[in-house]
C-alpha atoms as a PDB file:
ATOM      1  CA  UNK A   1      15.868-235.526 146.346  1.00  0.00           C
ATOM      2  CA  UNK A   2      16.635-238.318 143.591  1.00  0.00           C
ATOM      3  CA  UNK A   3      15.692-241.246 146.465  1.00  0.00           C
ATOM      4  CA  UNK A   4      12.557-240.000 146.686  1.00  0.00           C
ATOM      5  CA  UNK A   5      11.945-239.503 143.048  1.00  0.00           C
ATOM      6  CA  UNK A   6      13.754-242.763 142.350  1.00  0.00           C
ATOM      7  CA  UNK A   7      11.391-245.168 145.115  1.00  0.00           C
ATOM      8  CA  UNK A   8       7.876-243.398 143.344  1.00  0.00           C
ATOM      9  CA  UNK A   9       9.029-244.279 140.241  1.00  0.00           C
ATOM     10  CA  UNK A  10       9.751-247.961 141.210  1.00  0.00           C
ATOM     11  CA  UNK A  11       6.938-248.454 143.372  1.00  0.00           C
ATOM     12  CA  UNK A  12       4.182-246.606 139.848  1.00  0.00           C
ATOM     13  CA  UNK A  13       6.853-249.419 137.769  1.00  0.00           C
ATOM     14  CA  UNK A  14       6.420-252.866 139.945  1.00  0.00           C
ATOM     15  CA  UNK A  15       2.651-251.851 140.515  1.00  0.00           C
ATOM     16  CA  UNK A  16       1.424-251.312 137.042  1.00  0.00           C
ATOM     17  CA  UNK A  17       3.296-255.587 136.568  1.00  0.00           C
ATOM     18  CA  UNK A  18       0.904-256.716 139.812  1.00  0.00           C
ATOM     19  CA  UNK A  19      -1.684-254.259 137.178  1.00  0.00           C
ATOM     20  CA  UNK A  20      -0.416-256.994 133.562  1.00  0.00           C
ATOM     21  CA  UNK A  21      -0.238-253.273 132.389  1.00  0.00           C
ATOM     22  CA  UNK A  22       3.038-254.869 130.425  1.00  0.00           C
ATOM     23  CA  UNK A  23       1.689-258.106 129.324  1.00  0.00           C
ATOM     24  CA  UNK A  24       1.318-259.126 126.016  1.00  0.00           C
ATOM     25  CA  UNK A  25       3.269-255.647 124.497  1.00  0.00           C
ATOM     26  CA  UNK A  26       4.038-255.345 120.390  1.00  0.00           C
ATOM     27  CA  UNK A  27       7.589-256.984 120.179  1.00  0.00           C
ATOM     28  CA  UNK A  28       7.518-259.279 123.031  1.00  0.00           C
ATOM     29  CA  UNK A  29      10.062-261.681 123.556  1.00  0.00           C
ATOM     30  CA  UNK A  30      11.298-260.334 120.032  1.00  0.00           C
ATOM     31  CA  UNK A  31      14.941-259.578 119.714  1.00  0.00           C
ATOM     32  CA  UNK A  32      16.120-255.401 119.214  1.00  0.00           C
ATOM     33  CA  UNK A  33      15.946-254.477 116.152  1.00  0.00           C
ATOM     34  CA  UNK A  34      19.826-253.524 115.001  1.00  0.00           C
ATOM     35  CA  UNK A  35      21.029-255.160 117.939  1.00  0.00           C
ATOM     36  CA  UNK A  36      24.879-255.942 117.619  1.00  0.00           C
ATOM     37  CA  UNK A  37      24.700-253.535 114.302  1.00  0.00           C
ATOM     38  CA  UNK A  38      27.664-251.327 113.726  1.00  0.00           C
ATOM     39  CA  UNK A  39      25.871-247.612 114.584  1.00  0.00           C
ATOM     40  CA  UNK A  40      24.545-246.350 112.048  1.00  0.00           C
ATOM     41  CA  UNK A  41      24.300-241.917 113.258  1.00  0.00           C
ATOM     42  CA  UNK A  42      20.771-241.403 109.952  1.00  0.00           C
ATOM     43  CA  UNK A  43      19.169-245.607 111.594  1.00  0.00           C
ATOM     44  CA  UNK A  44      16.553-243.246 113.216  1.00  0.00           C
ATOM     45  CA  UNK A  45      15.235-242.063 109.536  1.00  0.00           C
ATOM     46  CA  UNK A  46      16.356-244.825 107.306  1.00  0.00           C
ATOM     47  CA  UNK A  47      13.292-246.799 110.530  1.00  0.00           C
ATOM     48  CA  UNK A  48      11.000-244.165 109.673  1.00  0.00           C
ATOM     49  CA  UNK A  49      11.093-244.920 106.527  1.00  0.00           C
ATOM     50  CA  UNK A  50      11.541-248.303 106.041  1.00  0.00           C
ATOM     51  CA  UNK A  51       8.334-247.916 108.728  1.00  0.00           C
ATOM     52  CA  UNK A  52       5.683-245.532 106.342  1.00  0.00           C
ATOM     53  CA  UNK A  53       6.647-247.904 103.795  1.00  0.00           C
ATOM     54  CA  UNK A  54       8.505-244.304 101.698  1.00  0.00           C
ATOM     55  CA  UNK A  55      11.037-244.889  99.401  1.00  0.00           C
ATOM     56  CA  UNK A  56      14.448-243.784  99.035  1.00  0.00           C
ATOM     57  CA  UNK A  57      14.236-240.990  96.956  1.00  0.00           C
ATOM     58  CA  UNK A  58      13.046-238.803  98.417  1.00  0.00           C
ATOM     59  CA  UNK A  59      16.060-237.977 100.313  1.00  0.00           C
ATOM     60  CA  UNK A  60      18.128-237.079  97.426  1.00  0.00           C
ATOM     61  CA  UNK A  61      18.134-233.211  96.010  1.00  0.00           C
ATOM     62  CA  UNK A  62      15.459-231.998  94.087  1.00  0.00           C
ATOM     63  CA  UNK A  63      17.892-231.628  91.185  1.00  0.00           C
ATOM     64  CA  UNK A  64      18.805-235.874  91.730  1.00  0.00           C
ATOM     65  CA  UNK A  65      15.073-236.267  92.224  1.00  0.00           C
ATOM     66  CA  UNK A  66      13.905-234.664  88.542  1.00  0.00           C
ATOM     67  CA  UNK A  67      17.044-236.928  86.351  1.00  0.00           C
ATOM     68  CA  UNK A  68      15.930-240.171  87.894  1.00  0.00           C
ATOM     69  CA  UNK A  69      12.092-239.157  87.409  1.00  0.00           C
ATOM     70  CA  UNK A  70      13.552-238.422  83.634  1.00  0.00           C
ATOM     71  CA  UNK A  71      15.575-241.458  83.749  1.00  0.00           C
ATOM     72  CA  UNK A  72      11.738-243.110  83.959  1.00  0.00           C
ATOM     73  CA  UNK A  73       9.640-241.535  81.583  1.00  0.00           C
ATOM     74  CA  UNK A  74       9.593-244.294  78.729  1.00  0.00           C
ATOM     75  CA  UNK A  75       8.479-247.156  82.071  1.00  0.00           C
ATOM     76  CA  UNK A  76       5.497-243.895  82.827  1.00  0.00           C
ATOM     77  CA  UNK A  77       4.268-243.572  79.682  1.00  0.00           C
ATOM     78  CA  UNK A  78       4.470-246.948  78.400  1.00  0.00           C
ATOM     79  CA  UNK A  79       1.309-247.683  79.689  1.00  0.00           C
ATOM     80  CA  UNK A  80      -0.145-245.298  79.277  1.00  0.00           C
ATOM     81  CA  UNK A  81      -3.602-244.442  76.697  1.00  0.00           C
ATOM     82  CA  UNK A  82      -3.175-241.644  74.317  1.00  0.00           C
ATOM     83  CA  UNK A  83      -0.309-239.448  73.215  1.00  0.00           C
ATOM     84  CA  UNK A  84      -2.406-236.010  74.280  1.00  0.00           C
ATOM     85  CA  UNK A  85      -1.694-238.602  77.689  1.00  0.00           C
ATOM     86  CA  UNK A  86       1.564-239.105  76.813  1.00  0.00           C
ATOM     87  CA  UNK A  87       2.843-235.169  75.982  1.00  0.00           C
ATOM     88  CA  UNK A  88       0.684-233.651  79.266  1.00  0.00           C
ATOM     89  CA  UNK A  89       3.074-236.078  81.728  1.00  0.00           C
ATOM     90  CA  UNK A  90       5.795-234.611  80.065  1.00  0.00           C
ATOM     91  CA  UNK A  91       3.889-231.401  80.281  1.00  0.00           C
ATOM     92  CA  UNK A  92       4.015-231.729  83.892  1.00  0.00           C
ATOM     93  CA  UNK A  93       7.966-232.947  84.576  1.00  0.00           C
ATOM     94  CA  UNK A  94       8.786-229.953  82.676  1.00  0.00           C
ATOM     95  CA  UNK A  95       6.678-227.082  84.569  1.00  0.00           C
ATOM     96  CA  UNK A  96       9.036-229.060  87.943  1.00  0.00           C
ATOM     97  CA  UNK A  97      12.233-229.070  85.393  1.00  0.00           C
ATOM     98  CA  UNK A  98      11.661-224.777  84.395  1.00  0.00           C
ATOM     99  CA  UNK A  99      10.723-224.364  88.444  1.00  0.00           C
ATOM    100  CA  UNK A 100      13.329-225.632  89.355  1.00  0.00           C
ATOM    101  CA  UNK A 101      16.176-224.319  86.806  1.00  0.00           C
ATOM    102  CA  UNK A 102      14.498-220.221  88.389  1.00  0.00           C
ATOM    103  CA  UNK A 103      15.321-220.936  91.675  1.00  0.00           C
ATOM    104  CA  UNK A 104      18.379-223.923  92.039  1.00  0.00           C
ATOM    105  CA  UNK A 105      18.364-225.469  95.106  1.00  0.00           C
ATOM    106  CA  UNK A 106      21.022-228.422  95.951  1.00  0.00           C
ATOM    107  CA  UNK A 107      24.137-229.585  93.908  1.00  0.00           C
ATOM    108  CA  UNK A 108      24.594-227.980  90.813  1.00  0.00           C
ATOM    109  CA  UNK A 109      24.047-230.418  88.023  1.00  0.00           C
ATOM    110  CA  UNK A 110      22.676-230.680  84.765  1.00  0.00           C
ATOM    111  CA  UNK A 111      18.996-230.512  84.626  1.00  0.00           C
ATOM    112  CA  UNK A 112      17.287-230.538  80.925  1.00  0.00           C
ATOM    113  CA  UNK A 113      13.906-230.301  80.248  1.00  0.00           C
ATOM    114  CA  UNK A 114      12.281-233.375  78.275  1.00  0.00           C
ATOM    115  CA  UNK A 115      11.528-233.077  73.913  1.00  0.00           C
ATOM    116  CA  UNK A 116       8.809-234.149  74.321  1.00  0.00           C
ATOM    117  CA  UNK A 117       8.318-234.796  70.328  1.00  0.00           C
ATOM    118  CA  UNK A 118      11.019-237.874  71.130  1.00  0.00           C
ATOM    119  CA  UNK A 119       8.934-238.616  74.323  1.00  0.00           C
ATOM    120  CA  UNK A 120       5.396-239.758  71.994  1.00  0.00           C
ATOM    121  CA  UNK A 121       7.840-240.626  69.018  1.00  0.00           C
ATOM    122  CA  UNK A 122       9.857-243.428  71.194  1.00  0.00           C
ATOM    123  CA  UNK A 123       5.888-243.931  72.713  1.00  0.00           C
ATOM    124  CA  UNK A 124       3.932-244.514  69.380  1.00  0.00           C
ATOM    125  CA  UNK A 125       7.563-247.296  67.980  1.00  0.00           C
ATOM    126  CA  UNK A 126       6.622-249.325  70.901  1.00  0.00           C
ATOM    127  CA  UNK A 127       2.801-249.589  70.374  1.00  0.00           C
ATOM    128  CA  UNK A 128       3.255-250.596  66.658  1.00  0.00           C
ATOM    129  CA  UNK A 129       6.509-252.836  67.645  1.00  0.00           C
ATOM    130  CA  UNK A 130       4.219-256.730  67.749  1.00  0.00           C
ATOM    131  CA  UNK A 131       4.970-258.549  70.902  1.00  0.00           C
ATOM    132  CA  UNK A 132       8.011-260.334  70.576  1.00  0.00           C
ATOM    133  CA  UNK A 133       6.860-264.436  71.576  1.00  0.00           C
ATOM    134  CA  UNK A 134       9.442-266.791  72.766  1.00  0.00           C
ATOM    135  CA  UNK A 135       9.048-270.078  69.726  1.00  0.00           C
ATOM    136  CA  UNK A 136       9.586-273.477  71.134  1.00  0.00           C
ATOM    137  CA  UNK A 137      12.835-274.709  71.957  1.00  0.00           C
ATOM    138  CA  UNK A 138      12.868-278.277  69.457  1.00  0.00           C
ATOM    139  CA  UNK A 139      15.586-280.571  69.803  1.00  0.00           C
ATOM    140  CA  UNK A 140      18.455-280.936  67.650  1.00  0.00           C
ATOM    141  CA  UNK A 141      18.549-284.215  66.219  1.00  0.00           C
ATOM    142  CA  UNK A 142      22.455-283.544  63.961  1.00  0.00           C
ATOM    143  CA  UNK A 143      24.893-282.517  66.492  1.00  0.00           C
ATOM    144  CA  UNK A 144      27.527-280.538  64.286  1.00  0.00           C
ATOM    145  CA  UNK A 145      30.844-282.041  64.387  1.00  0.00           C
ATOM    146  CA  UNK A 146      33.324-280.130  67.083  1.00  0.00           C
ATOM    147  CA  UNK A 147      36.075-277.436  65.603  1.00  0.00           C
ATOM    148  CA  UNK A 148      38.220-275.792  67.331  1.00  0.00           C
ATOM    149  CA  UNK A 149      38.192-272.189  66.938  1.00  0.00           C
ATOM    150  CA  UNK A 150      41.479-269.902  65.894  1.00  0.00           C
ATOM    151  CA  UNK A 151      42.900-268.979  68.640  1.00  0.00           C
ATOM    152  CA  UNK A 152      42.653-272.457  70.311  1.00  0.00           C
ATOM    153  CA  UNK A 153      45.043-273.640  67.675  1.00  0.00           C
ATOM    154  CA  UNK A 154      46.920-269.920  68.059  1.00  0.00           C
ATOM    155  CA  UNK A 155      47.489-270.651  72.219  1.00  0.00           C
ATOM    156  CA  UNK A 156      48.427-274.014  71.806  1.00  0.00           C
ATOM    157  CA  UNK A 157      51.155-272.936  69.376  1.00  0.00           C
ATOM    158  CA  UNK A 158      53.451-270.814  71.712  1.00  0.00           C
END
């Protein structure tokens, strides 16, 4: 029974090869990805994230995702146009934090709501700070006499 089945499958494959159905397949002539690398149990999730261009943060538990978002707040609000938009952003993040605090899942990690006033204060400070430009480097004309530092002199004594 299995010999007949194998023969039928082989006949189907030979027919497809003769018809050219296996010509110009994607990846033809390229090495098999991961061949020769040590076995990784999570190869399928890593390849999925890479193929779909998803961030690896999605694999983190909810409290760690929230902590990462809290760390990124200054960078995310930097380009917001108004104070109200900054407060709205912080309010949405705090709503997610409070929702997690009501029904905590995953590891017990301390996550506290973000202080909107502190974020707005920092946002204003960055807005009012003038742009720092690097001055042009001027060539040094006078060379100072080399002085030995005290620790070199002390080290030579011992």
